[in-house]
Amino acid sequence: FENIGFVRISKSSVVNIYKIQKLQGDLNMRVIIYLKNGEQLIMNR
């Protein structure tokens, strides 16, 4: 399903790009992913 917007963000997580509200840089070059449902995920560098 990667061709329809699912992308791996860590060894154990995949996110739906269409459900992302915003991205924010974090310490250690990680990225905080804010989802449209209010949850936050951490993308490993």
ModelCIF file with pLDDT and N, C-alpha, C, O atoms, coordinates in Angstrom:
data_MODEL
#
_entry.id   MODEL 
#
_entity.id                         1 
_entity.type                       polymer 
_entity.pdbx_number_of_molecules   1 
#
_entity_poly.entity_id                      1 
_entity_poly.type                           'polypeptide(L)' 
_entity_poly.nstd_linkage                   no 
_entity_poly.nstd_monomer                   no 
_entity_poly.pdbx_seq_one_letter_code       FENIGFVRISKSSVVNIYKIQKLQGDLNMRVIIYLKNGEQLIMNR 
_entity_poly.pdbx_seq_one_letter_code_can   FENIGFVRISKSSVVNIYKIQKLQGDLNMRVIIYLKNGEQLIMNR 
_entity_poly.pdbx_strand_id                 A 
#
loop_
_entity_poly_seq.entity_id 
_entity_poly_seq.num 
_entity_poly_seq.mon_id 
_entity_poly_seq.hetero 
1 1  PHE n 
1 2  GLU n 
1 3  ASN n 
1 4  ILE n 
1 5  GLY n 
1 6  PHE n 
1 7  VAL n 
1 8  ARG n 
1 9  ILE n 
1 10 SER n 
1 11 LYS n 
1 12 SER n 
1 13 SER n 
1 14 VAL n 
1 15 VAL n 
1 16 ASN n 
1 17 ILE n 
1 18 TYR n 
1 19 LYS n 
1 20 ILE n 
1 21 GLN n 
1 22 LYS n 
1 23 LEU n 
1 24 GLN n 
1 25 GLY n 
1 26 ASP n 
1 27 LEU n 
1 28 ASN n 
1 29 MET n 
1 30 ARG n 
1 31 VAL n 
1 32 ILE n 
1 33 ILE n 
1 34 TYR n 
1 35 LEU n 
1 36 LYS n 
1 37 ASN n 
1 38 GLY n 
1 39 GLU n 
1 40 GLN n 
1 41 LEU n 
1 42 ILE n 
1 43 MET n 
1 44 ASN n 
1 45 ARG n 
#
_struct_asym.id          A 
_struct_asym.entity_id   1 
#
loop_
_ma_qa_metric.id 
_ma_qa_metric.mode 
_ma_qa_metric.name 
_ma_qa_metric.software_group_id 
_ma_qa_metric.type 
1 global pLDDT . pLDDT 
2 local  pLDDT . pLDDT 
#
_ma_qa_metric_global.metric_id      1 
_ma_qa_metric_global.metric_value   92.20 
_ma_qa_metric_global.model_id       1 
_ma_qa_metric_global.ordinal_id     1 
#
loop_
_ma_qa_metric_local.label_asym_id 
_ma_qa_metric_local.label_comp_id 
_ma_qa_metric_local.label_seq_id 
_ma_qa_metric_local.metric_id 
_ma_qa_metric_local.metric_value 
_ma_qa_metric_local.model_id 
_ma_qa_metric_local.ordinal_id 
A PHE 1  2 87.00 1 1  
A GLU 2  2 84.00 1 2  
A ASN 3  2 82.00 1 3  
A ILE 4  2 84.00 1 4  
A GLY 5  2 87.00 1 5  
A PHE 6  2 93.00 1 6  
A VAL 7  2 94.00 1 7  
A ARG 8  2 94.00 1 8  
A ILE 9  2 96.00 1 9  
A SER 10 2 95.00 1 10 
A LYS 11 2 95.00 1 11 
A SER 12 2 96.00 1 12 
A SER 13 2 97.00 1 13 
A VAL 14 2 96.00 1 14 
A VAL 15 2 97.00 1 15 
A ASN 16 2 95.00 1 16 
A ILE 17 2 93.00 1 17 
A TYR 18 2 91.00 1 18 
A LYS 19 2 95.00 1 19 
A ILE 20 2 95.00 1 20 
A GLN 21 2 95.00 1 21 
A LYS 22 2 95.00 1 22 
A LEU 23 2 94.00 1 23 
A GLN 24 2 93.00 1 24 
A GLY 25 2 90.00 1 25 
A ASP 26 2 84.00 1 26 
A LEU 27 2 79.00 1 27 
A ASN 28 2 81.00 1 28 
A MET 29 2 84.00 1 29 
A ARG 30 2 89.00 1 30 
A VAL 31 2 94.00 1 31 
A ILE 32 2 95.00 1 32 
A ILE 33 2 96.00 1 33 
A TYR 34 2 97.00 1 34 
A LEU 35 2 97.00 1 35 
A LYS 36 2 94.00 1 36 
A ASN 37 2 93.00 1 37 
A GLY 38 2 93.00 1 38 
A GLU 39 2 95.00 1 39 
A GLN 40 2 96.00 1 40 
A LEU 41 2 96.00 1 41 
A ILE 42 2 95.00 1 42 
A MET 43 2 95.00 1 43 
A ASN 44 2 93.00 1 44 
A ARG 45 2 90.00 1 45 
#
loop_
_atom_site.group_PDB 
_atom_site.id 
_atom_site.type_symbol 
_atom_site.label_atom_id 
_atom_site.label_alt_id 
_atom_site.label_comp_id 
_atom_site.label_asym_id 
_atom_site.label_entity_id 
_atom_site.label_seq_id 
_atom_site.pdbx_PDB_ins_code 
_atom_site.Cartn_x 
_atom_site.Cartn_y 
_atom_site.Cartn_z 
_atom_site.occupancy 
_atom_site.B_iso_or_equiv 
_atom_site.pdbx_formal_charge 
_atom_site.auth_seq_id 
_atom_site.auth_comp_id 
_atom_site.auth_asym_id 
_atom_site.auth_atom_id 
_atom_site.pdbx_PDB_model_num 
ATOM 1   N N  . PHE A 1 1  ? 0.770  -1.237 0.000  1.00 87.00 ? 1  PHE A N  1 
ATOM 2   C CA . PHE A 1 1  ? 0.000  0.000  0.000  1.00 87.00 ? 1  PHE A CA 1 
ATOM 3   C C  . PHE A 1 1  ? 0.805  1.293  0.000  1.00 87.00 ? 1  PHE A C  1 
ATOM 4   O O  . PHE A 1 1  ? 0.224  2.361  0.194  1.00 87.00 ? 1  PHE A O  1 
ATOM 5   N N  . GLU A 1 2  ? 2.115  1.240  -0.209 1.00 84.00 ? 2  GLU A N  1 
ATOM 6   C CA . GLU A 1 2  ? 2.876  2.488  -0.201 1.00 84.00 ? 2  GLU A CA 1 
ATOM 7   C C  . GLU A 1 2  ? 2.489  3.394  -1.361 1.00 84.00 ? 2  GLU A C  1 
ATOM 8   O O  . GLU A 1 2  ? 2.660  4.610  -1.270 1.00 84.00 ? 2  GLU A O  1 
ATOM 9   N N  . ASN A 1 3  ? 1.976  2.836  -2.439 1.00 82.00 ? 3  ASN A N  1 
ATOM 10  C CA . ASN A 1 3  ? 1.596  3.650  -3.601 1.00 82.00 ? 3  ASN A CA 1 
ATOM 11  C C  . ASN A 1 3  ? 0.335  4.482  -3.365 1.00 82.00 ? 3  ASN A C  1 
ATOM 12  O O  . ASN A 1 3  ? -0.007 5.325  -4.195 1.00 82.00 ? 3  ASN A O  1 
ATOM 13  N N  . ILE A 1 4  ? -0.361 4.261  -2.249 1.00 84.00 ? 4  ILE A N  1 
ATOM 14  C CA . ILE A 1 4  ? -1.553 5.067  -1.973 1.00 84.00 ? 4  ILE A CA 1 
ATOM 15  C C  . ILE A 1 4  ? -1.374 5.955  -0.743 1.00 84.00 ? 4  ILE A C  1 
ATOM 16  O O  . ILE A 1 4  ? -2.355 6.434  -0.174 1.00 84.00 ? 4  ILE A O  1 
ATOM 17  N N  . GLY A 1 5  ? -0.123 6.174  -0.333 1.00 87.00 ? 5  GLY A N  1 
ATOM 18  C CA . GLY A 1 5  ? 0.130  7.175  0.703  1.00 87.00 ? 5  GLY A CA 1 
ATOM 19  C C  . GLY A 1 5  ? 0.642  6.682  2.037  1.00 87.00 ? 5  GLY A C  1 
ATOM 20  O O  . GLY A 1 5  ? 0.782  7.482  2.962  1.00 87.00 ? 5  GLY A O  1 
ATOM 21  N N  . PHE A 1 6  ? 0.928  5.395  2.179  1.00 93.00 ? 6  PHE A N  1 
ATOM 22  C CA . PHE A 1 6  ? 1.459  4.891  3.446  1.00 93.00 ? 6  PHE A CA 1 
ATOM 23  C C  . PHE A 1 6  ? 2.987  4.866  3.381  1.00 93.00 ? 6  PHE A C  1 
ATOM 24  O O  . PHE A 1 6  ? 3.572  4.312  2.450  1.00 93.00 ? 6  PHE A O  1 
ATOM 25  N N  . VAL A 1 7  ? 3.626  5.479  4.391  1.00 94.00 ? 7  VAL A N  1 
ATOM 26  C CA . VAL A 1 7  ? 5.076  5.614  4.410  1.00 94.00 ? 7  VAL A CA 1 
ATOM 27  C C  . VAL A 1 7  ? 5.599  5.207  5.780  1.00 94.00 ? 7  VAL A C  1 
ATOM 28  O O  . VAL A 1 7  ? 5.023  5.566  6.807  1.00 94.00 ? 7  VAL A O  1 
ATOM 29  N N  . ARG A 1 8  ? 6.684  4.462  5.785  1.00 94.00 ? 8  ARG A N  1 
ATOM 30  C CA . ARG A 1 8  ? 7.308  4.026  7.038  1.00 94.00 ? 8  ARG A CA 1 
ATOM 31  C C  . ARG A 1 8  ? 8.004  5.216  7.692  1.00 94.00 ? 8  ARG A C  1 
ATOM 32  O O  . ARG A 1 8  ? 8.696  5.985  7.025  1.00 94.00 ? 8  ARG A O  1 
ATOM 33  N N  . ILE A 1 9  ? 7.812  5.364  9.029  1.00 96.00 ? 9  ILE A N  1 
ATOM 34  C CA . ILE A 1 9  ? 8.450  6.455  9.753  1.00 96.00 ? 9  ILE A CA 1 
ATOM 35  C C  . ILE A 1 9  ? 9.355  5.950  10.881 1.00 96.00 ? 9  ILE A C  1 
ATOM 36  O O  . ILE A 1 9  ? 10.118 6.716  11.469 1.00 96.00 ? 9  ILE A O  1 
ATOM 37  N N  . SER A 1 10 ? 9.260  4.673  11.167 1.00 95.00 ? 10 SER A N  1 
ATOM 38  C CA . SER A 1 10 ? 10.136 4.052  12.164 1.00 95.00 ? 10 SER A CA 1 
ATOM 39  C C  . SER A 1 10 ? 10.118 2.549  11.912 1.00 95.00 ? 10 SER A C  1 
ATOM 40  O O  . SER A 1 10 ? 9.391  2.061  11.047 1.00 95.00 ? 10 SER A O  1 
ATOM 41  N N  . LYS A 1 11 ? 10.914 1.836  12.668 1.00 95.00 ? 11 LYS A N  1 
ATOM 42  C CA . LYS A 1 11 ? 10.979 0.388  12.492 1.00 95.00 ? 11 LYS A CA 1 
ATOM 43  C C  . LYS A 1 11 ? 9.612  -0.262 12.719 1.00 95.00 ? 11 LYS A C  1 
ATOM 44  O O  . LYS A 1 11 ? 9.306  -1.295 12.125 1.00 95.00 ? 11 LYS A O  1 
ATOM 45  N N  . SER A 1 12 ? 8.798  0.344  13.577 1.00 96.00 ? 12 SER A N  1 
ATOM 46  C CA . SER A 1 12 ? 7.526  -0.277 13.931 1.00 96.00 ? 12 SER A CA 1 
ATOM 47  C C  . SER A 1 12 ? 6.291  0.544  13.548 1.00 96.00 ? 12 SER A C  1 
ATOM 48  O O  . SER A 1 12 ? 5.185  0.220  13.982 1.00 96.00 ? 12 SER A O  1 
ATOM 49  N N  . SER A 1 13 ? 6.460  1.613  12.735 1.00 97.00 ? 13 SER A N  1 
ATOM 50  C CA . SER A 1 13 ? 5.315  2.470  12.409 1.00 97.00 ? 13 SER A CA 1 
ATOM 51  C C  . SER A 1 13 ? 5.273  2.892  10.946 1.00 97.00 ? 13 SER A C  1 
ATOM 52  O O  . SER A 1 13 ? 6.301  3.104  10.303 1.00 97.00 ? 13 SER A O  1 
ATOM 53  N N  . VAL A 1 14 ? 4.045  3.005  10.446 1.00 96.00 ? 14 VAL A N  1 
ATOM 54  C CA . VAL A 1 14 ? 3.751  3.492  9.105  1.00 96.00 ? 14 VAL A CA 1 
ATOM 55  C C  . VAL A 1 14 ? 2.661  4.542  9.250  1.00 96.00 ? 14 VAL A C  1 
ATOM 56  O O  . VAL A 1 14 ? 1.719  4.355  10.020 1.00 96.00 ? 14 VAL A O  1 
ATOM 57  N N  . VAL A 1 15 ? 2.781  5.652  8.514  1.00 97.00 ? 15 VAL A N  1 
ATOM 58  C CA . VAL A 1 15 ? 1.784  6.711  8.601  1.00 97.00 ? 15 VAL A CA 1 
ATOM 59  C C  . VAL A 1 15 ? 1.114  6.915  7.240  1.00 97.00 ? 15 VAL A C  1 
ATOM 60  O O  . VAL A 1 15 ? 1.725  6.701  6.193  1.00 97.00 ? 15 VAL A O  1 
ATOM 61  N N  . ASN A 1 16 ? -0.149 7.332  7.278  1.00 95.00 ? 16 ASN A N  1 
ATOM 62  C CA . ASN A 1 16 ? -0.893 7.696  6.075  1.00 95.00 ? 16 ASN A CA 1 
ATOM 63  C C  . ASN A 1 16 ? -0.624 9.177  5.821  1.00 95.00 ? 16 ASN A C  1 
ATOM 64  O O  . ASN A 1 16 ? -1.059 10.030 6.595  1.00 95.00 ? 16 ASN A O  1 
ATOM 65  N N  . ILE A 1 17 ? 0.082  9.481  4.756  1.00 93.00 ? 17 ILE A N  1 
ATOM 66  C CA . ILE A 1 17 ? 0.461  10.871 4.456  1.00 93.00 ? 17 ILE A CA 1 
ATOM 67  C C  . ILE A 1 17 ? -0.757 11.784 4.389  1.00 93.00 ? 17 ILE A C  1 
ATOM 68  O O  . ILE A 1 17 ? -0.665 12.957 4.750  1.00 93.00 ? 17 ILE A O  1 
ATOM 69  N N  . TYR A 1 18 ? -1.882 11.275 3.940  1.00 91.00 ? 18 TYR A N  1 
ATOM 70  C CA . TYR A 1 18 ? -3.085 12.096 3.792  1.00 91.00 ? 18 TYR A CA 1 
ATOM 71  C C  . TYR A 1 18 ? -3.711 12.486 5.135  1.00 91.00 ? 18 TYR A C  1 
ATOM 72  O O  . TYR A 1 18 ? -4.596 13.340 5.177  1.00 91.00 ? 18 TYR A O  1 
ATOM 73  N N  . LYS A 1 19 ? -3.265 11.878 6.212  1.00 95.00 ? 19 LYS A N  1 
ATOM 74  C CA . LYS A 1 19 ? -3.820 12.175 7.536  1.00 95.00 ? 19 LYS A CA 1 
ATOM 75  C C  . LYS A 1 19 ? -2.902 13.071 8.363  1.00 95.00 ? 19 LYS A C  1 
ATOM 76  O O  . LYS A 1 19 ? -3.155 13.287 9.548  1.00 95.00 ? 19 LYS A O  1 
ATOM 77  N N  . ILE A 1 20 ? -1.852 13.588 7.758  1.00 95.00 ? 20 ILE A N  1 
ATOM 78  C CA . ILE A 1 20 ? -0.917 14.456 8.473  1.00 95.00 ? 20 ILE A CA 1 
ATOM 79  C C  . ILE A 1 20 ? -1.406 15.897 8.441  1.00 95.00 ? 20 ILE A C  1 
ATOM 80  O O  . ILE A 1 20 ? -1.772 16.424 7.390  1.00 95.00 ? 20 ILE A O  1 
ATOM 81  N N  . GLN A 1 21 ? -1.403 16.523 9.614  1.00 95.00 ? 21 GLN A N  1 
ATOM 82  C CA . GLN A 1 21 ? -1.779 17.927 9.704  1.00 95.00 ? 21 GLN A CA 1 
ATOM 83  C C  . GLN A 1 21 ? -0.559 18.820 9.534  1.00 95.00 ? 21 GLN A C  1 
ATOM 84  O O  . GLN A 1 21 ? -0.593 19.782 8.766  1.00 95.00 ? 21 GLN A O  1 
ATOM 85  N N  . LYS A 1 22 ? 0.532  18.500 10.257 1.00 95.00 ? 22 LYS A N  1 
ATOM 86  C CA . LYS A 1 22 ? 1.758  19.279 10.108 1.00 95.00 ? 22 LYS A CA 1 
ATOM 87  C C  . LYS A 1 22 ? 2.954  18.470 10.591 1.00 95.00 ? 22 LYS A C  1 
ATOM 88  O O  . LYS A 1 22 ? 2.815  17.468 11.292 1.00 95.00 ? 22 LYS A O  1 
ATOM 89  N N  . LEU A 1 23 ? 4.133  18.937 10.191 1.00 94.00 ? 23 LEU A N  1 
ATOM 90  C CA . LEU A 1 23 ? 5.394  18.323 10.585 1.00 94.00 ? 23 LEU A CA 1 
ATOM 91  C C  . LEU A 1 23 ? 6.210  19.367 11.337 1.00 94.00 ? 23 LEU A C  1 
ATOM 92  O O  . LEU A 1 23 ? 6.170  20.554 11.017 1.00 94.00 ? 23 LEU A O  1 
ATOM 93  N N  . GLN A 1 24 ? 6.950  18.908 12.339 1.00 93.00 ? 24 GLN A N  1 
ATOM 94  C CA . GLN A 1 24 ? 7.785  19.832 13.109 1.00 93.00 ? 24 GLN A CA 1 
ATOM 95  C C  . GLN A 1 24 ? 9.107  19.153 13.447 1.00 93.00 ? 24 GLN A C  1 
ATOM 96  O O  . GLN A 1 24 ? 9.128  18.015 13.917 1.00 93.00 ? 24 GLN A O  1 
ATOM 97  N N  . GLY A 1 25 ? 10.206 19.855 13.205 1.00 90.00 ? 25 GLY A N  1 
ATOM 98  C CA . GLY A 1 25 ? 11.520 19.323 13.530 1.00 90.00 ? 25 GLY A CA 1 
ATOM 99  C C  . GLY A 1 25 ? 11.676 19.175 15.038 1.00 90.00 ? 25 GLY A C  1 
ATOM 100 O O  . GLY A 1 25 ? 11.076 19.921 15.812 1.00 90.00 ? 25 GLY A O  1 
ATOM 101 N N  . ASP A 1 26 ? 12.488 18.205 15.447 1.00 84.00 ? 26 ASP A N  1 
ATOM 102 C CA . ASP A 1 26 ? 12.718 17.917 16.855 1.00 84.00 ? 26 ASP A CA 1 
ATOM 103 C C  . ASP A 1 26 ? 14.223 17.776 17.070 1.00 84.00 ? 26 ASP A C  1 
ATOM 104 O O  . ASP A 1 26 ? 15.001 17.815 16.117 1.00 84.00 ? 26 ASP A O  1 
ATOM 105 N N  . LEU A 1 27 ? 14.613 17.617 18.299 1.00 79.00 ? 27 LEU A N  1 
ATOM 106 C CA . LEU A 1 27 ? 16.012 17.389 18.607 1.00 79.00 ? 27 LEU A CA 1 
ATOM 107 C C  . LEU A 1 27 ? 16.482 16.088 17.957 1.00 79.00 ? 27 LEU A C  1 
ATOM 108 O O  . LEU A 1 27 ? 15.675 15.217 17.633 1.00 79.00 ? 27 LEU A O  1 
ATOM 109 N N  . ASN A 1 28 ? 17.778 15.972 17.772 1.00 81.00 ? 28 ASN A N  1 
ATOM 110 C CA . ASN A 1 28 ? 18.382 14.770 17.186 1.00 81.00 ? 28 ASN A CA 1 
ATOM 111 C C  . ASN A 1 28 ? 17.885 14.481 15.771 1.00 81.00 ? 28 ASN A C  1 
ATOM 112 O O  . ASN A 1 28 ? 17.886 13.328 15.340 1.00 81.00 ? 28 ASN A O  1 
ATOM 113 N N  . MET A 1 29 ? 17.463 15.509 15.050 1.00 84.00 ? 29 MET A N  1 
ATOM 114 C CA . MET A 1 29 ? 17.000 15.408 13.663 1.00 84.00 ? 29 MET A CA 1 
ATOM 115 C C  . MET A 1 29 ? 15.772 14.520 13.483 1.00 84.00 ? 29 MET A C  1 
ATOM 116 O O  . MET A 1 29 ? 15.496 14.069 12.371 1.00 84.00 ? 29 MET A O  1 
ATOM 117 N N  . ARG A 1 30 ? 15.050 14.270 14.535 1.00 89.00 ? 30 ARG A N  1 
ATOM 118 C CA . ARG A 1 30 ? 13.792 13.544 14.388 1.00 89.00 ? 30 ARG A CA 1 
ATOM 119 C C  . ARG A 1 30 ? 12.705 14.543 13.985 1.00 89.00 ? 30 ARG A C  1 
ATOM 120 O O  . ARG A 1 30 ? 12.910 15.756 14.044 1.00 89.00 ? 30 ARG A O  1 
ATOM 121 N N  . VAL A 1 31 ? 11.559 14.021 13.580 1.00 94.00 ? 31 VAL A N  1 
ATOM 122 C CA . VAL A 1 31 ? 10.444 14.873 13.168 1.00 94.00 ? 31 VAL A CA 1 
ATOM 123 C C  . VAL A 1 31 ? 9.205  14.458 13.942 1.00 94.00 ? 31 VAL A C  1 
ATOM 124 O O  . VAL A 1 31 ? 8.899  13.271 14.056 1.00 94.00 ? 31 VAL A O  1 
ATOM 125 N N  . ILE A 1 32 ? 8.491  15.452 14.475 1.00 95.00 ? 32 ILE A N  1 
ATOM 126 C CA . ILE A 1 32 ? 7.208  15.186 15.128 1.00 95.00 ? 32 ILE A CA 1 
ATOM 127 C C  . ILE A 1 32 ? 6.126  15.319 14.065 1.00 95.00 ? 32 ILE A C  1 
ATOM 128 O O  . ILE A 1 32 ? 6.043  16.331 13.369 1.00 95.00 ? 32 ILE A O  1 
ATOM 129 N N  . ILE A 1 33 ? 5.301  14.288 13.949 1.00 96.00 ? 33 ILE A N  1 
ATOM 130 C CA . ILE A 1 33 ? 4.202  14.281 12.985 1.00 96.00 ? 33 ILE A CA 1 
ATOM 131 C C  . ILE A 1 33 ? 2.907  14.506 13.755 1.00 96.00 ? 33 ILE A C  1 
ATOM 132 O O  . ILE A 1 33 ? 2.548  13.713 14.625 1.00 96.00 ? 33 ILE A O  1 
ATOM 133 N N  . TYR A 1 34 ? 2.210  15.590 13.431 1.00 97.00 ? 34 TYR A N  1 
ATOM 134 C CA . TYR A 1 34 ? 0.915  15.880 14.037 1.00 97.00 ? 34 TYR A CA 1 
ATOM 135 C C  . TYR A 1 34 ? -0.166 15.393 13.077 1.00 97.00 ? 34 TYR A C  1 
ATOM 136 O O  . TYR A 1 34 ? -0.235 15.826 11.927 1.00 97.00 ? 34 TYR A O  1 
ATOM 137 N N  . LEU A 1 35 ? -1.004 14.488 13.568 1.00 97.00 ? 35 LEU A N  1 
ATOM 138 C CA . LEU A 1 35 ? -2.062 13.931 12.726 1.00 97.00 ? 35 LEU A CA 1 
ATOM 139 C C  . LEU A 1 35 ? -3.348 14.739 12.880 1.00 97.00 ? 35 LEU A C  1 
ATOM 140 O O  . LEU A 1 35 ? -3.510 15.480 13.850 1.00 97.00 ? 35 LEU A O  1 
ATOM 141 N N  . LYS A 1 36 ? -4.253 14.594 11.928 1.00 94.00 ? 36 LYS A N  1 
ATOM 142 C CA . LYS A 1 36 ? -5.515 15.330 11.937 1.00 94.00 ? 36 LYS A CA 1 
ATOM 143 C C  . LYS A 1 36 ? -6.447 14.915 13.070 1.00 94.00 ? 36 LYS A C  1 
ATOM 144 O O  . LYS A 1 36 ? -7.411 15.621 13.365 1.00 94.00 ? 36 LYS A O  1 
ATOM 145 N N  . ASN A 1 37 ? -6.170 13.771 13.712 1.00 93.00 ? 37 ASN A N  1 
ATOM 146 C CA . ASN A 1 37 ? -7.001 13.344 14.841 1.00 93.00 ? 37 ASN A CA 1 
ATOM 147 C C  . ASN A 1 37 ? -6.416 13.791 16.182 1.00 93.00 ? 37 ASN A C  1 
ATOM 148 O O  . ASN A 1 37 ? -6.915 13.398 17.236 1.00 93.00 ? 37 ASN A O  1 
ATOM 149 N N  . GLY A 1 38 ? -5.355 14.615 16.146 1.00 93.00 ? 38 GLY A N  1 
ATOM 150 C CA . GLY A 1 38 ? -4.770 15.154 17.370 1.00 93.00 ? 38 GLY A CA 1 
ATOM 151 C C  . GLY A 1 38 ? -3.605 14.342 17.921 1.00 93.00 ? 38 GLY A C  1 
ATOM 152 O O  . GLY A 1 38 ? -2.939 14.792 18.853 1.00 93.00 ? 38 GLY A O  1 
ATOM 153 N N  . GLU A 1 39 ? -3.344 13.167 17.375 1.00 95.00 ? 39 GLU A N  1 
ATOM 154 C CA . GLU A 1 39 ? -2.229 12.351 17.866 1.00 95.00 ? 39 GLU A CA 1 
ATOM 155 C C  . GLU A 1 39 ? -0.907 12.838 17.281 1.00 95.00 ? 39 GLU A C  1 
ATOM 156 O O  . GLU A 1 39 ? -0.869 13.516 16.254 1.00 95.00 ? 39 GLU A O  1 
ATOM 157 N N  . GLN A 1 40 ? 0.169  12.473 17.965 1.00 96.00 ? 40 GLN A N  1 
ATOM 158 C CA . GLN A 1 40 ? 1.509  12.811 17.515 1.00 96.00 ? 40 GLN A CA 1 
ATOM 159 C C  . GLN A 1 40 ? 2.340  11.543 17.388 1.00 96.00 ? 40 GLN A C  1 
ATOM 160 O O  . GLN A 1 40 ? 2.266  10.648 18.230 1.00 96.00 ? 40 GLN A O  1 
ATOM 161 N N  . LEU A 1 41 ? 3.132  11.479 16.324 1.00 96.00 ? 41 LEU A N  1 
ATOM 162 C CA . LEU A 1 41 ? 4.052  10.369 16.104 1.00 96.00 ? 41 LEU A CA 1 
ATOM 163 C C  . LEU A 1 41 ? 5.451  10.943 15.937 1.00 96.00 ? 41 LEU A C  1 
ATOM 164 O O  . LEU A 1 41 ? 5.613  12.100 15.549 1.00 96.00 ? 41 LEU A O  1 
ATOM 165 N N  . ILE A 1 42 ? 6.449  10.137 16.229 1.00 95.00 ? 42 ILE A N  1 
ATOM 166 C CA . ILE A 1 42 ? 7.838  10.542 16.043 1.00 95.00 ? 42 ILE A CA 1 
ATOM 167 C C  . ILE A 1 42 ? 8.428  9.776  14.864 1.00 95.00 ? 42 ILE A C  1 
ATOM 168 O O  . ILE A 1 42 ? 8.382  8.546  14.821 1.00 95.00 ? 42 ILE A O  1 
ATOM 169 N N  . MET A 1 43 ? 8.981  10.520 13.910 1.00 95.00 ? 43 MET A N  1 
ATOM 170 C CA . MET A 1 43 ? 9.668  9.897  12.787 1.00 95.00 ? 43 MET A CA 1 
ATOM 171 C C  . MET A 1 43 ? 11.153 9.813  13.129 1.00 95.00 ? 43 MET A C  1 
ATOM 172 O O  . MET A 1 43 ? 11.783 10.824 13.438 1.00 95.00 ? 43 MET A O  1 
ATOM 173 N N  . ASN A 1 44 ? 11.696 8.625  13.073 1.00 93.00 ? 44 ASN A N  1 
ATOM 174 C CA . ASN A 1 44 ? 13.123 8.454  13.310 1.00 93.00 ? 44 ASN A CA 1 
ATOM 175 C C  . ASN A 1 44 ? 13.909 9.043  12.151 1.00 93.00 ? 44 ASN A C  1 
ATOM 176 O O  . ASN A 1 44 ? 13.456 9.018  11.007 1.00 93.00 ? 44 ASN A O  1 
ATOM 177 N N  . ARG A 1 45 ? 15.069 9.567  12.446 1.00 90.00 ? 45 ARG A N  1 
ATOM 178 C CA . ARG A 1 45 ? 15.856 10.270 11.421 1.00 90.00 ? 45 ARG A CA 1 
ATOM 179 C C  . ARG A 1 45 ? 16.294 9.363  10.276 1.00 90.00 ? 45 ARG A C  1 
ATOM 180 O O  . ARG A 1 45 ? 16.960 9.820  9.347  1.00 90.00 ? 45 ARG A O  1 
#
